[in-house]
């Protein structure tokens, strides 16, 4: 059964599927990902949860995971090891707001309140080859075939009448 295979985080042959969770907006998430702790502790699965920026190589791909964090210094200083140095990643996954977004969910002004960075495409161009995949915006968005927001799976509020879904990479 395909559904059971996916929800069990295992391939049909029983090998684990790498699954990664990372923190989103604190006011929305409210530590909900801790409900997955039982999956993380199960050594027969390859499930991890990231609360701070980290990188990992999975199946030969060097990946970057950027949870939404409130930072007290510049993003260039905080993420120096990952984005402003010599590391190269095939893809980056994260949660937060890019400067090309305007209106609706995630107004730029909210970032000054929470202290999370406002990203731009140049933060990633030097270090990420194939694409940047983020959560935060509830409507699926593609910016220059390089930055993608998956959107939300369901309609939690008005104004989200466009197609819903998720990104599968």
C-alpha atoms as a PDB file:
ATOM      1  CA  UNK A   1       0.000   0.000   0.000  1.00  0.00           C
ATOM      2  CA  UNK A   2       1.614   3.234  -1.203  1.00  0.00           C
ATOM      3  CA  UNK A   3      -0.010   5.409   1.485  1.00  0.00           C
ATOM      4  CA  UNK A   4       1.275   3.200   4.294  1.00  0.00           C
ATOM      5  CA  UNK A   5       4.757   3.187   2.755  1.00  0.00           C
ATOM      6  CA  UNK A   6       4.901   6.989   2.645  1.00  0.00           C
ATOM      7  CA  UNK A   7       3.417   7.561   6.109  1.00  0.00           C
ATOM      8  CA  UNK A   8       5.715   4.894   7.534  1.00  0.00           C
ATOM      9  CA  UNK A   9       8.689   6.731   5.958  1.00  0.00           C
ATOM     10  CA  UNK A  10       9.906   3.539   4.321  1.00  0.00           C
ATOM     11  CA  UNK A  11      10.478   2.505   0.728  1.00  0.00           C
ATOM     12  CA  UNK A  12       8.527  -0.530  -0.530  1.00  0.00           C
ATOM     13  CA  UNK A  13      11.621  -2.685   0.135  1.00  0.00           C
ATOM     14  CA  UNK A  14      11.683  -1.506   3.786  1.00  0.00           C
ATOM     15  CA  UNK A  15      14.636   0.878   3.494  1.00  0.00           C
ATOM     16  CA  UNK A  16      14.083   4.190   5.284  1.00  0.00           C
ATOM     17  CA  UNK A  17      13.134   7.315   3.338  1.00  0.00           C
ATOM     18  CA  UNK A  18      15.136  10.345   4.513  1.00  0.00           C
ATOM     19  CA  UNK A  19      12.617  12.785   6.045  1.00  0.00           C
ATOM     20  CA  UNK A  20      13.632  16.150   7.449  1.00  0.00           C
ATOM     21  CA  UNK A  21      11.531  18.562   9.488  1.00  0.00           C
ATOM     22  CA  UNK A  22      12.643  22.064  10.451  1.00  0.00           C
ATOM     23  CA  UNK A  23      11.130  24.853  12.517  1.00  0.00           C
ATOM     24  CA  UNK A  24       8.751  27.344  10.954  1.00  0.00           C
ATOM     25  CA  UNK A  25       7.170  30.489  12.317  1.00  0.00           C
ATOM     26  CA  UNK A  26       7.080  30.117  16.097  1.00  0.00           C
ATOM     27  CA  UNK A  27       3.688  31.807  16.497  1.00  0.00           C
ATOM     28  CA  UNK A  28       2.121  29.343  14.033  1.00  0.00           C
ATOM     29  CA  UNK A  29       4.035  26.177  14.783  1.00  0.00           C
ATOM     30  CA  UNK A  30       3.841  26.263  18.584  1.00  0.00           C
ATOM     31  CA  UNK A  31       6.306  23.337  18.879  1.00  0.00           C
ATOM     32  CA  UNK A  32       4.007  20.983  16.939  1.00  0.00           C
ATOM     33  CA  UNK A  33       6.952  19.177  15.358  1.00  0.00           C
ATOM     34  CA  UNK A  34       7.844  17.724  18.737  1.00  0.00           C
ATOM     35  CA  UNK A  35       4.913  15.366  18.134  1.00  0.00           C
ATOM     36  CA  UNK A  36       7.225  13.586  15.677  1.00  0.00           C
ATOM     37  CA  UNK A  37       9.753  12.768  18.415  1.00  0.00           C
ATOM     38  CA  UNK A  38       8.718   9.101  18.373  1.00  0.00           C
ATOM     39  CA  UNK A  39       9.710   8.918  14.690  1.00  0.00           C
ATOM     40  CA  UNK A  40      13.045  10.595  15.363  1.00  0.00           C
ATOM     41  CA  UNK A  41      13.869   8.167  18.166  1.00  0.00           C
ATOM     42  CA  UNK A  42      12.986   5.122  16.027  1.00  0.00           C
ATOM     43  CA  UNK A  43      16.360   3.992  14.624  1.00  0.00           C
ATOM     44  CA  UNK A  44      14.651   2.004  11.832  1.00  0.00           C
ATOM     45  CA  UNK A  45      13.634   5.350  10.265  1.00  0.00           C
ATOM     46  CA  UNK A  46      15.777   8.161   8.864  1.00  0.00           C
ATOM     47  CA  UNK A  47      13.822  11.086  10.370  1.00  0.00           C
ATOM     48  CA  UNK A  48      15.463  14.234  11.740  1.00  0.00           C
ATOM     49  CA  UNK A  49      14.253  17.549  13.110  1.00  0.00           C
ATOM     50  CA  UNK A  50      16.310  20.743  12.854  1.00  0.00           C
ATOM     51  CA  UNK A  51      15.835  23.793  15.069  1.00  0.00           C
ATOM     52  CA  UNK A  52      18.944  25.622  13.826  1.00  0.00           C
ATOM     53  CA  UNK A  53      20.652  25.913  10.458  1.00  0.00           C
ATOM     54  CA  UNK A  54      22.534  22.785   9.439  1.00  0.00           C
ATOM     55  CA  UNK A  55      23.782  20.990   6.369  1.00  0.00           C
ATOM     56  CA  UNK A  56      23.718  17.330   5.518  1.00  0.00           C
ATOM     57  CA  UNK A  57      24.626  15.050   2.646  1.00  0.00           C
ATOM     58  CA  UNK A  58      21.797  12.686   1.651  1.00  0.00           C
ATOM     59  CA  UNK A  59      22.264  10.204  -1.186  1.00  0.00           C
ATOM     60  CA  UNK A  60      25.259  12.175  -2.460  1.00  0.00           C
ATOM     61  CA  UNK A  61      23.460  15.574  -2.421  1.00  0.00           C
ATOM     62  CA  UNK A  62      24.828  18.294  -0.148  1.00  0.00           C
ATOM     63  CA  UNK A  63      21.736  20.006   1.299  1.00  0.00           C
ATOM     64  CA  UNK A  64      21.192  23.020   3.509  1.00  0.00           C
ATOM     65  CA  UNK A  65      18.318  23.292   6.026  1.00  0.00           C
ATOM     66  CA  UNK A  66      17.389  26.747   7.333  1.00  0.00           C
ATOM     67  CA  UNK A  67      14.691  26.814  10.030  1.00  0.00           C
ATOM     68  CA  UNK A  68      13.137  30.198  10.735  1.00  0.00           C
ATOM     69  CA  UNK A  69      15.156  31.600  13.622  1.00  0.00           C
ATOM     70  CA  UNK A  70      15.129  34.895  15.454  1.00  0.00           C
ATOM     71  CA  UNK A  71      18.686  36.213  15.220  1.00  0.00           C
ATOM     72  CA  UNK A  72      20.325  39.113  17.072  1.00  0.00           C
ATOM     73  CA  UNK A  73      23.077  39.730  14.493  1.00  0.00           C
ATOM     74  CA  UNK A  74      23.083  40.250  10.719  1.00  0.00           C
ATOM     75  CA  UNK A  75      22.151  37.283   8.562  1.00  0.00           C
ATOM     76  CA  UNK A  76      25.576  37.558   6.915  1.00  0.00           C
ATOM     77  CA  UNK A  77      27.247  37.023  10.280  1.00  0.00           C
ATOM     78  CA  UNK A  78      24.850  34.371  11.577  1.00  0.00           C
ATOM     79  CA  UNK A  79      24.845  32.239   8.399  1.00  0.00           C
ATOM     80  CA  UNK A  80      28.473  32.932   7.410  1.00  0.00           C
ATOM     81  CA  UNK A  81      29.507  29.277   7.651  1.00  0.00           C
ATOM     82  CA  UNK A  82      26.728  28.182   5.299  1.00  0.00           C
ATOM     83  CA  UNK A  83      25.839  30.927   2.817  1.00  0.00           C
ATOM     84  CA  UNK A  84      28.622  33.472   2.747  1.00  0.00           C
ATOM     85  CA  UNK A  85      31.627  31.170   2.589  1.00  0.00           C
ATOM     86  CA  UNK A  86      32.804  28.499   0.191  1.00  0.00           C
ATOM     87  CA  UNK A  87      30.262  25.752   0.897  1.00  0.00           C
ATOM     88  CA  UNK A  88      28.325  24.588  -2.171  1.00  0.00           C
ATOM     89  CA  UNK A  89      24.914  22.926  -1.848  1.00  0.00           C
ATOM     90  CA  UNK A  90      22.763  21.299  -4.481  1.00  0.00           C
ATOM     91  CA  UNK A  91      19.574  22.569  -2.768  1.00  0.00           C
ATOM     92  CA  UNK A  92      18.490  24.595   0.247  1.00  0.00           C
ATOM     93  CA  UNK A  93      15.303  24.093   2.254  1.00  0.00           C
ATOM     94  CA  UNK A  94      13.982  26.570   4.762  1.00  0.00           C
ATOM     95  CA  UNK A  95      11.252  28.690   6.211  1.00  0.00           C
ATOM     96  CA  UNK A  96      11.033  32.449   6.021  1.00  0.00           C
ATOM     97  CA  UNK A  97      10.375  35.438   3.826  1.00  0.00           C
ATOM     98  CA  UNK A  98      12.085  36.668   0.657  1.00  0.00           C
ATOM     99  CA  UNK A  99      12.147  40.301  -0.396  1.00  0.00           C
ATOM    100  CA  UNK A 100      10.238  39.650  -3.644  1.00  0.00           C
ATOM    101  CA  UNK A 101       7.082  38.838  -1.663  1.00  0.00           C
ATOM    102  CA  UNK A 102       4.654  41.673  -1.072  1.00  0.00           C
ATOM    103  CA  UNK A 103       1.181  41.701   0.428  1.00  0.00           C
ATOM    104  CA  UNK A 104      -0.760  38.882   2.010  1.00  0.00           C
ATOM    105  CA  UNK A 105       0.843  36.406   4.390  1.00  0.00           C
ATOM    106  CA  UNK A 106       4.261  37.308   5.673  1.00  0.00           C
ATOM    107  CA  UNK A 107       4.449  41.052   5.157  1.00  0.00           C
ATOM    108  CA  UNK A 108       8.040  42.277   5.273  1.00  0.00           C
ATOM    109  CA  UNK A 109       7.261  44.369   8.357  1.00  0.00           C
ATOM    110  CA  UNK A 110       6.673  41.266  10.495  1.00  0.00           C
ATOM    111  CA  UNK A 111      10.335  40.351  10.213  1.00  0.00           C
ATOM    112  CA  UNK A 112      11.447  43.407  12.148  1.00  0.00           C
ATOM    113  CA  UNK A 113       9.232  42.244  15.007  1.00  0.00           C
ATOM    114  CA  UNK A 114      10.461  38.638  15.154  1.00  0.00           C
ATOM    115  CA  UNK A 115      14.094  39.224  14.179  1.00  0.00           C
ATOM    116  CA  UNK A 116      14.088  36.572  11.467  1.00  0.00           C
ATOM    117  CA  UNK A 117      16.043  37.469   8.314  1.00  0.00           C
ATOM    118  CA  UNK A 118      14.521  38.874   5.158  1.00  0.00           C
ATOM    119  CA  UNK A 119      16.148  36.847   2.382  1.00  0.00           C
ATOM    120  CA  UNK A 120      16.968  37.802  -1.192  1.00  0.00           C
ATOM    121  CA  UNK A 121      18.015  35.701  -4.155  1.00  0.00           C
ATOM    122  CA  UNK A 122      21.632  36.884  -3.891  1.00  0.00           C
ATOM    123  CA  UNK A 123      21.931  35.274  -0.450  1.00  0.00           C
ATOM    124  CA  UNK A 124      21.783  31.889  -2.209  1.00  0.00           C
ATOM    125  CA  UNK A 125      23.072  32.300  -5.793  1.00  0.00           C
ATOM    126  CA  UNK A 126      26.752  31.767  -4.923  1.00  0.00           C
ATOM    127  CA  UNK A 127      26.300  28.685  -2.750  1.00  0.00           C
ATOM    128  CA  UNK A 128      23.173  26.822  -3.939  1.00  0.00           C
ATOM    129  CA  UNK A 129      23.206  25.238  -7.392  1.00  0.00           C
ATOM    130  CA  UNK A 130      19.735  23.931  -8.245  1.00  0.00           C
ATOM    131  CA  UNK A 131      17.129  25.652  -6.145  1.00  0.00           C
ATOM    132  CA  UNK A 132      15.848  27.034  -2.874  1.00  0.00           C
ATOM    133  CA  UNK A 133      12.642  25.579  -1.419  1.00  0.00           C
ATOM    134  CA  UNK A 134      10.915  27.461   1.396  1.00  0.00           C
ATOM    135  CA  UNK A 135       7.797  27.475   3.493  1.00  0.00           C
ATOM    136  CA  UNK A 136       6.016  30.506   4.945  1.00  0.00           C
ATOM    137  CA  UNK A 137       3.916  31.829   2.079  1.00  0.00           C
ATOM    138  CA  UNK A 138       0.610  29.964   1.846  1.00  0.00           C
ATOM    139  CA  UNK A 139       0.273  30.278  -1.937  1.00  0.00           C
ATOM    140  CA  UNK A 140       2.625  28.293  -4.174  1.00  0.00           C
ATOM    141  CA  UNK A 141       5.203  30.643  -5.697  1.00  0.00           C
ATOM    142  CA  UNK A 142       8.064  30.240  -8.166  1.00  0.00           C
ATOM    143  CA  UNK A 143      10.598  33.053  -8.444  1.00  0.00           C
ATOM    144  CA  UNK A 144      12.971  32.950 -11.440  1.00  0.00           C
ATOM    145  CA  UNK A 145      12.818  29.131 -11.512  1.00  0.00           C
ATOM    146  CA  UNK A 146      15.140  29.135  -8.527  1.00  0.00           C
ATOM    147  CA  UNK A 147      13.179  29.969  -5.371  1.00  0.00           C
ATOM    148  CA  UNK A 148      10.006  28.007  -4.659  1.00  0.00           C
ATOM    149  CA  UNK A 149       7.352  28.224  -1.970  1.00  0.00           C
ATOM    150  CA  UNK A 150       5.271  25.060  -1.790  1.00  0.00           C
ATOM    151  CA  UNK A 151       2.246  26.834  -0.364  1.00  0.00           C
ATOM    152  CA  UNK A 152      -0.028  25.314   2.239  1.00  0.00           C
ATOM    153  CA  UNK A 153      -1.852  22.025   1.903  1.00  0.00           C
ATOM    154  CA  UNK A 154      -5.240  23.466   2.830  1.00  0.00           C
ATOM    155  CA  UNK A 155      -7.130  26.736   3.003  1.00  0.00           C
ATOM    156  CA  UNK A 156      -6.803  28.114   6.519  1.00  0.00           C
ATOM    157  CA  UNK A 157      -8.071  31.581   5.651  1.00  0.00           C
ATOM    158  CA  UNK A 158      -9.775  33.608   2.926  1.00  0.00           C
ATOM    159  CA  UNK A 159      -7.798  34.698  -0.086  1.00  0.00           C
ATOM    160  CA  UNK A 160      -6.180  31.319  -0.666  1.00  0.00           C
ATOM    161  CA  UNK A 161      -8.389  30.131  -3.508  1.00  0.00           C
ATOM    162  CA  UNK A 162      -5.520  29.076  -5.777  1.00  0.00           C
ATOM    163  CA  UNK A 163      -4.471  25.439  -6.146  1.00  0.00           C
ATOM    164  CA  UNK A 164      -2.997  23.831  -3.051  1.00  0.00           C
ATOM    165  CA  UNK A 165      -0.432  21.084  -2.762  1.00  0.00           C
ATOM    166  CA  UNK A 166       3.179  20.437  -1.880  1.00  0.00           C
ATOM    167  CA  UNK A 167       6.600  20.185  -3.477  1.00  0.00           C
ATOM    168  CA  UNK A 168       8.016  16.733  -4.120  1.00  0.00           C
ATOM    169  CA  UNK A 169      11.718  16.749  -4.916  1.00  0.00           C
END
